[in-house]
Amino acid sequence: MKTTCGRMSPVVAVLVALAVAAHAAAVGPPKRRGQEIHLFEATVSVPDTGVEDVEEYNNRLLAKVLGSVEAARSATYESELGLFSAFITNNQARRLSKVPGVLKVTRLEDPPALPETDGHL
């Protein structure tokens, strides 16, 4: 009597490989320490010459760490004179604290996620 184990082995191997790949995709790439994104608040000095656009000034400071003003705009949570908060990594916060004009960077509690709605209040 012939067994089908020999023929099913490649099929099982492919299924196992697909299951492992699906799990890895669902979990995502492993994050190194310092790459988790959190909400940080930056206290900044305001130049004596005055700042016409506070938000743009804050974005330029954050852009020195993120690489572009557009990236800074998308990461910013709140912005006001002398203070802004942004969603950045621990490493980016550490680098931001060394940017000239930044006085202090503090991690805040991440805001709660907004509840899912069906479009009705």
PDB file of N, CA and C in Angstrom:
ATOM      1  N   MET A   1       0.836  -1.170   0.000  1.00  0.00           N
ATOM      2  CA  MET A   1       0.000   0.000   0.000  1.00  0.00           C
ATOM      3  C   MET A   1       0.885   1.238   0.000  1.00  0.00           C
ATOM      4  N   LYS A   2       0.612   2.150  -0.889  1.00  0.00           N
ATOM      5  CA  LYS A   2       1.381   3.386  -0.986  1.00  0.00           C
ATOM      6  C   LYS A   2       0.779   4.422  -0.054  1.00  0.00           C
ATOM      7  N   THR A   3       1.657   5.207   0.548  1.00  0.00           N
ATOM      8  CA  THR A   3       1.177   6.313   1.380  1.00  0.00           C
ATOM      9  C   THR A   3       1.299   7.603   0.597  1.00  0.00           C
ATOM     10  N   THR A   4       0.513   8.549   0.972  1.00  0.00           N
ATOM     11  CA  THR A   4       0.559   9.841   0.278  1.00  0.00           C
ATOM     12  C   THR A   4       1.424  10.843   1.022  1.00  0.00           C
ATOM     13  N   CYS A   5       2.091  10.403   2.084  1.00  0.00           N
ATOM     14  CA  CYS A   5       2.940  11.320   2.856  1.00  0.00           C
ATOM     15  C   CYS A   5       4.023  11.933   1.989  1.00  0.00           C
ATOM     16  N   GLY A   6       4.625  11.147   1.131  1.00  0.00           N
ATOM     17  CA  GLY A   6       5.701  11.640   0.295  1.00  0.00           C
ATOM     18  C   GLY A   6       5.242  12.736  -0.643  1.00  0.00           C
ATOM     19  N   ARG A   7       4.014  12.606  -1.157  1.00  0.00           N
ATOM     20  CA  ARG A   7       3.502  13.601  -2.082  1.00  0.00           C
ATOM     21  C   ARG A   7       2.965  14.832  -1.358  1.00  0.00           C
ATOM     22  N   MET A   8       2.477  14.704  -0.172  1.00  0.00           N
ATOM     23  CA  MET A   8       1.895  15.829   0.544  1.00  0.00           C
ATOM     24  C   MET A   8       2.957  16.674   1.235  1.00  0.00           C
ATOM     25  N   SER A   9       4.126  16.146   1.404  1.00  0.00           N
ATOM     26  CA  SER A   9       5.171  16.878   2.103  1.00  0.00           C
ATOM     27  C   SER A   9       5.470  18.236   1.461  1.00  0.00           C
ATOM     28  N   PRO A  10       5.642  18.339   0.149  1.00  0.00           N
ATOM     29  CA  PRO A  10       5.875  19.660  -0.446  1.00  0.00           C
ATOM     30  C   PRO A  10       4.682  20.591  -0.265  1.00  0.00           C
ATOM     31  N   VAL A  11       3.465  20.057  -0.322  1.00  0.00           N
ATOM     32  CA  VAL A  11       2.279  20.883  -0.141  1.00  0.00           C
ATOM     33  C   VAL A  11       2.238  21.422   1.277  1.00  0.00           C
ATOM     34  N   VAL A  12       2.522  20.563   2.247  1.00  0.00           N
ATOM     35  CA  VAL A  12       2.531  20.992   3.645  1.00  0.00           C
ATOM     36  C   VAL A  12       3.618  22.033   3.866  1.00  0.00           C
ATOM     37  N   ALA A  13       4.767  21.824   3.276  1.00  0.00           N
ATOM     38  CA  ALA A  13       5.869  22.778   3.418  1.00  0.00           C
ATOM     39  C   ALA A  13       5.487  24.142   2.865  1.00  0.00           C
ATOM     40  N   VAL A  14       4.797  24.164   1.727  1.00  0.00           N
ATOM     41  CA  VAL A  14       4.368  25.427   1.135  1.00  0.00           C
ATOM     42  C   VAL A  14       3.335  26.095   2.041  1.00  0.00           C
ATOM     43  N   LEU A  15       2.388  25.315   2.563  1.00  0.00           N
ATOM     44  CA  LEU A  15       1.371  25.878   3.451  1.00  0.00           C
ATOM     45  C   LEU A  15       1.993  26.445   4.727  1.00  0.00           C
ATOM     46  N   VAL A  16       2.956  25.751   5.280  1.00  0.00           N
ATOM     47  CA  VAL A  16       3.639  26.242   6.478  1.00  0.00           C
ATOM     48  C   VAL A  16       4.396  27.530   6.159  1.00  0.00           C
ATOM     49  N   ALA A  17       5.071  27.558   5.024  1.00  0.00           N
ATOM     50  CA  ALA A  17       5.809  28.762   4.630  1.00  0.00           C
ATOM     51  C   ALA A  17       4.863  29.942   4.447  1.00  0.00           C
ATOM     52  N   LEU A  18       3.696  29.694   3.828  1.00  0.00           N
ATOM     53  CA  LEU A  18       2.717  30.764   3.650  1.00  0.00           C
ATOM     54  C   LEU A  18       2.163  31.237   4.987  1.00  0.00           C
ATOM     55  N   ALA A  19       1.924  30.311   5.904  1.00  0.00           N
ATOM     56  CA  ALA A  19       1.418  30.691   7.228  1.00  0.00           C
ATOM     57  C   ALA A  19       2.443  31.535   7.977  1.00  0.00           C
ATOM     58  N   VAL A  20       3.704  31.172   7.898  1.00  0.00           N
ATOM     59  CA  VAL A  20       4.761  31.932   8.566  1.00  0.00           C
ATOM     60  C   VAL A  20       4.879  33.322   7.940  1.00  0.00           C
ATOM     61  N   ALA A  21       4.810  33.393   6.618  1.00  0.00           N
ATOM     62  CA  ALA A  21       4.897  34.687   5.940  1.00  0.00           C
ATOM     63  C   ALA A  21       3.707  35.568   6.287  1.00  0.00           C
ATOM     64  N   ALA A  22       2.512  34.987   6.353  1.00  0.00           N
ATOM     65  CA  ALA A  22       1.321  35.761   6.711  1.00  0.00           C
ATOM     66  C   ALA A  22       1.424  36.291   8.133  1.00  0.00           C
ATOM     67  N   HIS A  23       1.938  35.472   9.038  1.00  0.00           N
ATOM     68  CA  HIS A  23       2.101  35.918  10.423  1.00  0.00           C
ATOM     69  C   HIS A  23       3.118  37.056  10.503  1.00  0.00           C
ATOM     70  N   ALA A  24       4.211  36.929   9.792  1.00  0.00           N
ATOM     71  CA  ALA A  24       5.240  37.980   9.811  1.00  0.00           C
ATOM     72  C   ALA A  24       4.695  39.277   9.234  1.00  0.00           C
ATOM     73  N   ALA A  25       3.876  39.189   8.199  1.00  0.00           N
ATOM     74  CA  ALA A  25       3.295  40.396   7.613  1.00  0.00           C
ATOM     75  C   ALA A  25       2.300  41.044   8.559  1.00  0.00           C
ATOM     76  N   ALA A  26       1.556  40.232   9.285  1.00  0.00           N
ATOM     77  CA  ALA A  26       0.569  40.770  10.227  1.00  0.00           C
ATOM     78  C   ALA A  26       1.245  41.440  11.410  1.00  0.00           C
ATOM     79  N   VAL A  27       2.312  40.862  11.874  1.00  0.00           N
ATOM     80  CA  VAL A  27       3.028  41.413  13.016  1.00  0.00           C
ATOM     81  C   VAL A  27       3.836  42.626  12.597  1.00  0.00           C
ATOM     82  N   GLY A  28       4.331  42.630  11.385  1.00  0.00           N
ATOM     83  CA  GLY A  28       5.150  43.731  10.892  1.00  0.00           C
ATOM     84  C   GLY A  28       6.610  43.502  11.222  1.00  0.00           C
ATOM     85  N   PRO A  29       7.451  44.345  10.685  1.00  0.00           N
ATOM     86  CA  PRO A  29       8.874  44.182  10.945  1.00  0.00           C
ATOM     87  C   PRO A  29       9.170  44.453  12.414  1.00  0.00           C
ATOM     88  N   PRO A  30      10.152  43.782  12.953  1.00  0.00           N
ATOM     89  CA  PRO A  30      10.472  44.025  14.364  1.00  0.00           C
ATOM     90  C   PRO A  30      10.972  45.446  14.549  1.00  0.00           C
ATOM     91  N   LYS A  31      10.518  46.078  15.614  1.00  0.00           N
ATOM     92  CA  LYS A  31      10.931  47.454  15.887  1.00  0.00           C
ATOM     93  C   LYS A  31      12.089  47.424  16.865  1.00  0.00           C
ATOM     94  N   ARG A  32      13.090  48.193  16.538  1.00  0.00           N
ATOM     95  CA  ARG A  32      14.202  48.336  17.463  1.00  0.00           C
ATOM     96  C   ARG A  32      13.799  49.300  18.548  1.00  0.00           C
ATOM     97  N   ARG A  33      14.466  49.186  19.655  1.00  0.00           N
ATOM     98  CA  ARG A  33      14.180  50.076  20.766  1.00  0.00           C
ATOM     99  C   ARG A  33      14.358  51.525  20.322  1.00  0.00           C
ATOM    100  N   GLY A  34      13.426  52.377  20.700  1.00  0.00           N
ATOM    101  CA  GLY A  34      13.502  53.787  20.340  1.00  0.00           C
ATOM    102  C   GLY A  34      12.715  54.138  19.099  1.00  0.00           C
ATOM    103  N   GLN A  35      12.113  53.138  18.420  1.00  0.00           N
ATOM    104  CA  GLN A  35      11.384  53.426  17.191  1.00  0.00           C
ATOM    105  C   GLN A  35       9.875  53.502  17.397  1.00  0.00           C
ATOM    106  N   GLU A  36       9.401  53.294  18.612  1.00  0.00           N
ATOM    107  CA  GLU A  36       7.973  53.423  18.857  1.00  0.00           C
ATOM    108  C   GLU A  36       7.615  54.904  18.821  1.00  0.00           C
ATOM    109  N   ILE A  37       6.455  55.217  18.274  1.00  0.00           N
ATOM    110  CA  ILE A  37       6.037  56.609  18.157  1.00  0.00           C
ATOM    111  C   ILE A  37       5.177  56.992  19.352  1.00  0.00           C
ATOM    112  N   HIS A  38       5.519  58.131  19.950  1.00  0.00           N
ATOM    113  CA  HIS A  38       4.803  58.662  21.110  1.00  0.00           C
ATOM    114  C   HIS A  38       4.581  60.153  20.906  1.00  0.00           C
ATOM    115  N   LEU A  39       3.756  60.713  21.764  1.00  0.00           N
ATOM    116  CA  LEU A  39       3.507  62.152  21.721  1.00  0.00           C
ATOM    117  C   LEU A  39       4.516  62.854  22.624  1.00  0.00           C
ATOM    118  N   PHE A  40       5.260  63.793  22.049  1.00  0.00           N
ATOM    119  CA  PHE A  40       6.247  64.570  22.791  1.00  0.00           C
ATOM    120  C   PHE A  40       5.883  66.047  22.694  1.00  0.00           C
ATOM    121  N   GLU A  41       6.221  66.780  23.741  1.00  0.00           N
ATOM    122  CA  GLU A  41       6.011  68.226  23.772  1.00  0.00           C
ATOM    123  C   GLU A  41       7.374  68.904  23.798  1.00  0.00           C
ATOM    124  N   ALA A  42       7.544  69.889  22.945  1.00  0.00           N
ATOM    125  CA  ALA A  42       8.797  70.637  22.876  1.00  0.00           C
ATOM    126  C   ALA A  42       8.544  72.075  23.304  1.00  0.00           C
ATOM    127  N   THR A  43       9.337  72.531  24.265  1.00  0.00           N
ATOM    128  CA  THR A  43       9.331  73.937  24.663  1.00  0.00           C
ATOM    129  C   THR A  43      10.460  74.595  23.889  1.00  0.00           C
ATOM    130  N   VAL A  44      10.136  75.687  23.192  1.00  0.00           N
ATOM    131  CA  VAL A  44      11.126  76.327  22.329  1.00  0.00           C
ATOM    132  C   VAL A  44      11.268  77.800  22.678  1.00  0.00           C
ATOM    133  N   SER A  45      12.439  78.335  22.397  1.00  0.00           N
ATOM    134  CA  SER A  45      12.641  79.768  22.594  1.00  0.00           C
ATOM    135  C   SER A  45      12.091  80.491  21.370  1.00  0.00           C
ATOM    136  N   VAL A  46      11.584  81.673  21.601  1.00  0.00           N
ATOM    137  CA  VAL A  46      11.041  82.476  20.514  1.00  0.00           C
ATOM    138  C   VAL A  46      12.001  83.634  20.285  1.00  0.00           C
ATOM    139  N   PRO A  47      12.465  83.820  19.058  1.00  0.00           N
ATOM    140  CA  PRO A  47      13.417  84.899  18.780  1.00  0.00           C
ATOM    141  C   PRO A  47      12.832  86.269  19.112  1.00  0.00           C
ATOM    142  N   ASP A  48      13.706  87.178  19.549  1.00  0.00           N
ATOM    143  CA  ASP A  48      13.283  88.541  19.886  1.00  0.00           C
ATOM    144  C   ASP A  48      12.726  89.293  18.682  1.00  0.00           C
ATOM    145  N   THR A  49      13.167  88.920  17.502  1.00  0.00           N
ATOM    146  CA  THR A  49      12.732  89.622  16.298  1.00  0.00           C
ATOM    147  C   THR A  49      11.273  89.365  15.986  1.00  0.00           C
ATOM    148  N   GLY A  50      10.681  88.435  16.705  1.00  0.00           N
ATOM    149  CA  GLY A  50       9.261  88.128  16.476  1.00  0.00           C
ATOM    150  C   GLY A  50       9.089  87.079  15.403  1.00  0.00           C
ATOM    151  N   VAL A  51       8.069  86.320  15.572  1.00  0.00           N
ATOM    152  CA  VAL A  51       7.764  85.260  14.622  1.00  0.00           C
ATOM    153  C   VAL A  51       6.383  85.545  14.055  1.00  0.00           C
ATOM    154  N   GLU A  52       6.311  85.667  12.753  1.00  0.00           N
ATOM    155  CA  GLU A  52       5.027  85.972  12.132  1.00  0.00           C
ATOM    156  C   GLU A  52       4.127  84.751  12.064  1.00  0.00           C
ATOM    157  N   ASP A  53       4.700  83.592  11.772  1.00  0.00           N
ATOM    158  CA  ASP A  53       3.915  82.364  11.665  1.00  0.00           C
ATOM    159  C   ASP A  53       4.488  81.348  12.649  1.00  0.00           C
ATOM    160  N   VAL A  54       3.838  81.259  13.807  1.00  0.00           N
ATOM    161  CA  VAL A  54       4.319  80.388  14.885  1.00  0.00           C
ATOM    162  C   VAL A  54       4.378  78.939  14.427  1.00  0.00           C
ATOM    163  N   GLU A  55       3.346  78.479  13.749  1.00  0.00           N
ATOM    164  CA  GLU A  55       3.303  77.087  13.303  1.00  0.00           C
ATOM    165  C   GLU A  55       4.450  76.773  12.351  1.00  0.00           C
ATOM    166  N   GLU A  56       4.732  77.682  11.445  1.00  0.00           N
ATOM    167  CA  GLU A  56       5.825  77.472  10.491  1.00  0.00           C
ATOM    168  C   GLU A  56       7.181  77.467  11.199  1.00  0.00           C
ATOM    169  N   TYR A  57       7.345  78.337  12.186  1.00  0.00           N
ATOM    170  CA  TYR A  57       8.587  78.366  12.972  1.00  0.00           C
ATOM    171  C   TYR A  57       8.791  77.021  13.664  1.00  0.00           C
ATOM    172  N   ASN A  58       7.751  76.511  14.320  1.00  0.00           N
ATOM    173  CA  ASN A  58       7.845  75.221  15.005  1.00  0.00           C
ATOM    174  C   ASN A  58       8.115  74.093  14.014  1.00  0.00           C
ATOM    175  N   ASN A  59       7.464  74.146  12.852  1.00  0.00           N
ATOM    176  CA  ASN A  59       7.688  73.108  11.838  1.00  0.00           C
ATOM    177  C   ASN A  59       9.125  73.110  11.331  1.00  0.00           C
ATOM    178  N   ARG A  60       9.716  74.292  11.204  1.00  0.00           N
ATOM    179  CA  ARG A  60      11.118  74.358  10.752  1.00  0.00           C
ATOM    180  C   ARG A  60      12.058  73.747  11.785  1.00  0.00           C
ATOM    181  N   LEU A  61      11.765  73.951  13.077  1.00  0.00           N
ATOM    182  CA  LEU A  61      12.594  73.325  14.113  1.00  0.00           C
ATOM    183  C   LEU A  61      12.477  71.803  14.044  1.00  0.00           C
ATOM    184  N   LEU A  62      11.248  71.298  13.951  1.00  0.00           N
ATOM    185  CA  LEU A  62      11.023  69.857  13.890  1.00  0.00           C
ATOM    186  C   LEU A  62      11.570  69.260  12.599  1.00  0.00           C
ATOM    187  N   ALA A  63      11.549  70.027  11.520  1.00  0.00           N
ATOM    188  CA  ALA A  63      12.061  69.548  10.228  1.00  0.00           C
ATOM    189  C   ALA A  63      13.548  69.239  10.290  1.00  0.00           C
ATOM    190  N   LYS A  64      14.273  69.883  11.183  1.00  0.00           N
ATOM    191  CA  LYS A  64      15.710  69.607  11.317  1.00  0.00           C
ATOM    192  C   LYS A  64      15.957  68.170  11.758  1.00  0.00           C
ATOM    193  N   VAL A  65      14.961  67.555  12.390  1.00  0.00           N
ATOM    194  CA  VAL A  65      15.071  66.163  12.823  1.00  0.00           C
ATOM    195  C   VAL A  65      14.381  65.229  11.833  1.00  0.00           C
ATOM    196  N   LEU A  66      13.228  65.643  11.315  1.00  0.00           N
ATOM    197  CA  LEU A  66      12.436  64.766  10.447  1.00  0.00           C
ATOM    198  C   LEU A  66      12.829  64.839   8.980  1.00  0.00           C
ATOM    199  N   GLY A  67      13.572  65.878   8.587  1.00  0.00           N
ATOM    200  CA  GLY A  67      14.065  65.948   7.220  1.00  0.00           C
ATOM    201  C   GLY A  67      13.317  66.878   6.294  1.00  0.00           C
ATOM    202  N   SER A  68      12.066  67.221   6.621  1.00  0.00           N
ATOM    203  CA  SER A  68      11.328  68.143   5.765  1.00  0.00           C
ATOM    204  C   SER A  68      10.215  68.817   6.564  1.00  0.00           C
ATOM    205  N   VAL A  69       9.817  69.987   6.086  1.00  0.00           N
ATOM    206  CA  VAL A  69       8.722  70.715   6.721  1.00  0.00           C
ATOM    207  C   VAL A  69       7.418  69.933   6.553  1.00  0.00           C
ATOM    208  N   GLU A  70       7.261  69.249   5.413  1.00  0.00           N
ATOM    209  CA  GLU A  70       6.048  68.458   5.186  1.00  0.00           C
ATOM    210  C   GLU A  70       5.940  67.332   6.213  1.00  0.00           C
ATOM    211  N   ALA A  71       7.036  66.654   6.492  1.00  0.00           N
ATOM    212  CA  ALA A  71       7.027  65.590   7.506  1.00  0.00           C
ATOM    213  C   ALA A  71       6.724  66.169   8.885  1.00  0.00           C
ATOM    214  N   ALA A  72       7.256  67.346   9.152  1.00  0.00           N
ATOM    215  CA  ALA A  72       6.996  68.008  10.438  1.00  0.00           C
ATOM    216  C   ALA A  72       5.517  68.379  10.559  1.00  0.00           C
ATOM    217  N   ARG A  73       4.931  68.878   9.487  1.00  0.00           N
ATOM    218  CA  ARG A  73       3.501  69.222   9.513  1.00  0.00           C
ATOM    219  C   ARG A  73       2.645  68.004   9.816  1.00  0.00           C
ATOM    220  N   SER A  74       2.976  66.879   9.196  1.00  0.00           N
ATOM    221  CA  SER A  74       2.147  65.687   9.393  1.00  0.00           C
ATOM    222  C   SER A  74       2.354  65.067  10.773  1.00  0.00           C
ATOM    223  N   ALA A  75       3.485  65.329  11.419  1.00  0.00           N
ATOM    224  CA  ALA A  75       3.745  64.770  12.744  1.00  0.00           C
ATOM    225  C   ALA A  75       3.232  65.656  13.877  1.00  0.00           C
ATOM    226  N   THR A  76       3.008  66.936  13.578  1.00  0.00           N
ATOM    227  CA  THR A  76       2.619  67.890  14.619  1.00  0.00           C
ATOM    228  C   THR A  76       1.187  67.643  15.075  1.00  0.00           C
ATOM    229  N   TYR A  77       1.017  67.653  16.411  1.00  0.00           N
ATOM    230  CA  TYR A  77      -0.299  67.455  17.017  1.00  0.00           C
ATOM    231  C   TYR A  77      -0.918  68.802  17.390  1.00  0.00           C
ATOM    232  N   GLU A  78      -0.156  69.646  18.092  1.00  0.00           N
ATOM    233  CA  GLU A  78      -0.596  70.994  18.456  1.00  0.00           C
ATOM    234  C   GLU A  78       0.596  71.936  18.339  1.00  0.00           C
ATOM    235  N   SER A  79       0.308  73.209  18.082  1.00  0.00           N
ATOM    236  CA  SER A  79       1.381  74.180  17.916  1.00  0.00           C
ATOM    237  C   SER A  79       0.914  75.532  18.430  1.00  0.00           C
ATOM    238  N   GLU A  80       1.734  76.157  19.268  1.00  0.00           N
ATOM    239  CA  GLU A  80       1.453  77.506  19.764  1.00  0.00           C
ATOM    240  C   GLU A  80       2.778  78.194  20.044  1.00  0.00           C
ATOM    241  N   LEU A  81       2.724  79.454  20.401  1.00  0.00           N
ATOM    242  CA  LEU A  81       3.930  80.232  20.638  1.00  0.00           C
ATOM    243  C   LEU A  81       4.737  79.622  21.783  1.00  0.00           C
ATOM    244  N   GLY A  82       5.961  79.227  21.493  1.00  0.00           N
ATOM    245  CA  GLY A  82       6.866  78.694  22.503  1.00  0.00           C
ATOM    246  C   GLY A  82       6.663  77.231  22.846  1.00  0.00           C
ATOM    247  N   LEU A  83       5.758  76.553  22.145  1.00  0.00           N
ATOM    248  CA  LEU A  83       5.435  75.172  22.507  1.00  0.00           C
ATOM    249  C   LEU A  83       4.790  74.456  21.329  1.00  0.00           C
ATOM    250  N   PHE A  84       5.165  73.199  21.125  1.00  0.00           N
ATOM    251  CA  PHE A  84       4.435  72.367  20.172  1.00  0.00           C
ATOM    252  C   PHE A  84       4.547  70.921  20.605  1.00  0.00           C
ATOM    253  N   SER A  85       3.604  70.111  20.142  1.00  0.00           N
ATOM    254  CA  SER A  85       3.658  68.677  20.415  1.00  0.00           C
ATOM    255  C   SER A  85       3.583  67.937  19.085  1.00  0.00           C
ATOM    256  N   ALA A  86       4.250  66.792  19.048  1.00  0.00           N
ATOM    257  CA  ALA A  86       4.316  66.025  17.810  1.00  0.00           C
ATOM    258  C   ALA A  86       4.463  64.544  18.119  1.00  0.00           C
ATOM    259  N   PHE A  87       3.996  63.734  17.188  1.00  0.00           N
ATOM    260  CA  PHE A  87       4.160  62.287  17.282  1.00  0.00           C
ATOM    261  C   PHE A  87       5.485  61.929  16.624  1.00  0.00           C
ATOM    262  N   ILE A  88       6.472  61.571  17.450  1.00  0.00           N
ATOM    263  CA  ILE A  88       7.800  61.224  16.963  1.00  0.00           C
ATOM    264  C   ILE A  88       8.334  60.045  17.779  1.00  0.00           C
ATOM    265  N   THR A  89       9.440  59.497  17.342  1.00  0.00           N
ATOM    266  CA  THR A  89      10.051  58.379  18.063  1.00  0.00           C
ATOM    267  C   THR A  89      10.911  58.904  19.212  1.00  0.00           C
ATOM    268  N   ASN A  90      11.285  58.010  20.091  1.00  0.00           N
ATOM    269  CA  ASN A  90      12.171  58.373  21.204  1.00  0.00           C
ATOM    270  C   ASN A  90      13.503  58.928  20.685  1.00  0.00           C
ATOM    271  N   ASN A  91      14.039  58.302  19.644  1.00  0.00           N
ATOM    272  CA  ASN A  91      15.308  58.768  19.077  1.00  0.00           C
ATOM    273  C   ASN A  91      15.168  60.161  18.454  1.00  0.00           C
ATOM    274  N   GLN A  92      14.059  60.404  17.773  1.00  0.00           N
ATOM    275  CA  GLN A  92      13.834  61.725  17.184  1.00  0.00           C
ATOM    276  C   GLN A  92      13.675  62.773  18.276  1.00  0.00           C
ATOM    277  N   ALA A  93      13.018  62.413  19.378  1.00  0.00           N
ATOM    278  CA  ALA A  93      12.852  63.346  20.502  1.00  0.00           C
ATOM    279  C   ALA A  93      14.213  63.691  21.104  1.00  0.00           C
ATOM    280  N   ARG A  94      15.066  62.696  21.227  1.00  0.00           N
ATOM    281  CA  ARG A  94      16.408  62.940  21.766  1.00  0.00           C
ATOM    282  C   ARG A  94      17.180  63.886  20.852  1.00  0.00           C
ATOM    283  N   ARG A  95      17.084  63.674  19.539  1.00  0.00           N
ATOM    284  CA  ARG A  95      17.776  64.548  18.590  1.00  0.00           C
ATOM    285  C   ARG A  95      17.157  65.943  18.573  1.00  0.00           C
ATOM    286  N   LEU A  96      15.827  66.023  18.713  1.00  0.00           N
ATOM    287  CA  LEU A  96      15.149  67.317  18.745  1.00  0.00           C
ATOM    288  C   LEU A  96      15.605  68.145  19.940  1.00  0.00           C
ATOM    289  N   SER A  97      15.855  67.501  21.058  1.00  0.00           N
ATOM    290  CA  SER A  97      16.283  68.226  22.260  1.00  0.00           C
ATOM    291  C   SER A  97      17.636  68.912  22.070  1.00  0.00           C
ATOM    292  N   LYS A  98      18.394  68.498  21.052  1.00  0.00           N
ATOM    293  CA  LYS A  98      19.712  69.083  20.785  1.00  0.00           C
ATOM    294  C   LYS A  98      19.672  70.170  19.704  1.00  0.00           C
ATOM    295  N   VAL A  99      18.502  70.404  19.118  1.00  0.00           N
ATOM    296  CA  VAL A  99      18.373  71.430  18.072  1.00  0.00           C
ATOM    297  C   VAL A  99      18.429  72.808  18.727  1.00  0.00           C
ATOM    298  N   PRO A 100      19.258  73.726  18.199  1.00  0.00           N
ATOM    299  CA  PRO A 100      19.293  75.080  18.752  1.00  0.00           C
ATOM    300  C   PRO A 100      17.897  75.720  18.707  1.00  0.00           C
ATOM    301  N   GLY A 101      17.496  76.289  19.824  1.00  0.00           N
ATOM    302  CA  GLY A 101      16.173  76.895  19.923  1.00  0.00           C
ATOM    303  C   GLY A 101      15.183  76.026  20.676  1.00  0.00           C
ATOM    304  N   VAL A 102      15.501  74.739  20.831  1.00  0.00           N
ATOM    305  CA  VAL A 102      14.638  73.831  21.592  1.00  0.00           C
ATOM    306  C   VAL A 102      15.171  73.788  23.017  1.00  0.00           C
ATOM    307  N   LEU A 103      14.329  74.153  23.968  1.00  0.00           N
ATOM    308  CA  LEU A 103      14.743  74.223  25.372  1.00  0.00           C
ATOM    309  C   LEU A 103      14.544  72.908  26.109  1.00  0.00           C
ATOM    310  N   LYS A 104      13.432  72.227  25.806  1.00  0.00           N
ATOM    311  CA  LYS A 104      13.121  70.996  26.529  1.00  0.00           C
ATOM    312  C   LYS A 104      12.165  70.153  25.692  1.00  0.00           C
ATOM    313  N   VAL A 105      12.333  68.825  25.769  1.00  0.00           N
ATOM    314  CA  VAL A 105      11.429  67.891  25.099  1.00  0.00           C
ATOM    315  C   VAL A 105      10.959  66.886  26.142  1.00  0.00           C
ATOM    316  N   THR A 106       9.643  66.748  26.270  1.00  0.00           N
ATOM    317  CA  THR A 106       9.055  65.893  27.289  1.00  0.00           C
ATOM    318  C   THR A 106       8.045  64.959  26.648  1.00  0.00           C
ATOM    319  N   ARG A 107       8.085  63.688  27.049  1.00  0.00           N
ATOM    320  CA  ARG A 107       7.083  62.742  26.548  1.00  0.00           C
ATOM    321  C   ARG A 107       5.776  62.953  27.304  1.00  0.00           C
ATOM    322  N   LEU A 108       4.684  63.011  26.550  1.00  0.00           N
ATOM    323  CA  LEU A 108       3.349  63.169  27.114  1.00  0.00           C
ATOM    324  C   LEU A 108       2.610  61.841  27.046  1.00  0.00           C
ATOM    325  N   GLU A 109       1.529  61.764  27.772  1.00  0.00           N
ATOM    326  CA  GLU A 109       0.651  60.612  27.624  1.00  0.00           C
ATOM    327  C   GLU A 109       0.047  60.678  26.232  1.00  0.00           C
ATOM    328  N   ASP A 110       0.059  59.575  25.532  1.00  0.00           N
ATOM    329  CA  ASP A 110      -0.554  59.552  24.215  1.00  0.00           C
ATOM    330  C   ASP A 110      -2.047  59.793  24.371  1.00  0.00           C
ATOM    331  N   PRO A 111      -2.623  60.654  23.522  1.00  0.00           N
ATOM    332  CA  PRO A 111      -4.063  60.925  23.645  1.00  0.00           C
ATOM    333  C   PRO A 111      -4.854  59.664  23.344  1.00  0.00           C
ATOM    334  N   PRO A 112      -6.019  59.514  23.951  1.00  0.00           N
ATOM    335  CA  PRO A 112      -6.828  58.330  23.663  1.00  0.00           C
ATOM    336  C   PRO A 112      -7.309  58.344  22.220  1.00  0.00           C
ATOM    337  N   ALA A 113      -7.474  57.169  21.673  1.00  0.00           N
ATOM    338  CA  ALA A 113      -7.975  57.073  20.306  1.00  0.00           C
ATOM    339  C   ALA A 113      -9.429  57.512  20.282  1.00  0.00           C
ATOM    340  N   LEU A 114      -9.803  58.167  19.215  1.00  0.00           N
ATOM    341  CA  LEU A 114     -11.190  58.586  19.070  1.00  0.00           C
ATOM    342  C   LEU A 114     -12.060  57.358  18.840  1.00  0.00           C
ATOM    343  N   PRO A 115     -13.254  57.342  19.423  1.00  0.00           N
ATOM    344  CA  PRO A 115     -14.120  56.174  19.222  1.00  0.00           C
ATOM    345  C   PRO A 115     -14.573  56.073  17.771  1.00  0.00           C
ATOM    346  N   GLU A 116     -14.744  54.837  17.326  1.00  0.00           N
ATOM    347  CA  GLU A 116     -15.256  54.596  15.983  1.00  0.00           C
ATOM    348  C   GLU A 116     -16.709  55.043  15.929  1.00  0.00           C
ATOM    349  N   THR A 117     -17.078  55.730  14.868  1.00  0.00           N
ATOM    350  CA  THR A 117     -18.473  56.127  14.697  1.00  0.00           C
ATOM    351  C   THR A 117     -18.937  55.738  13.314  1.00  0.00           C
ATOM    352  N   ASP A 118     -20.230  55.700  13.146  1.00  0.00           N
ATOM    353  CA  ASP A 118     -20.789  55.409  11.839  1.00  0.00           C
ATOM    354  C   ASP A 118     -21.176  56.679  11.091  1.00  0.00           C
ATOM    355  N   GLY A 119     -20.622  57.801  11.557  1.00  0.00           N
ATOM    356  CA  GLY A 119     -20.904  59.082  10.931  1.00  0.00           C
ATOM    357  C   GLY A 119     -21.999  59.862  11.627  1.00  0.00           C
ATOM    358  N   HIS A 120     -22.638  59.263  12.607  1.00  0.00           N
ATOM    359  CA  HIS A 120     -23.705  59.939  13.358  1.00  0.00           C
ATOM    360  C   HIS A 120     -23.199  60.300  14.732  1.00  0.00           C
ATOM    361  N   LEU A 121     -23.669  61.411  15.251  1.00  0.00           N
ATOM    362  CA  LEU A 121     -23.275  61.839  16.598  1.00  0.00           C
ATOM    363  C   LEU A 121     -24.214  61.312  17.633  1.00  0.00           C
TER     364      LEU A 121
END
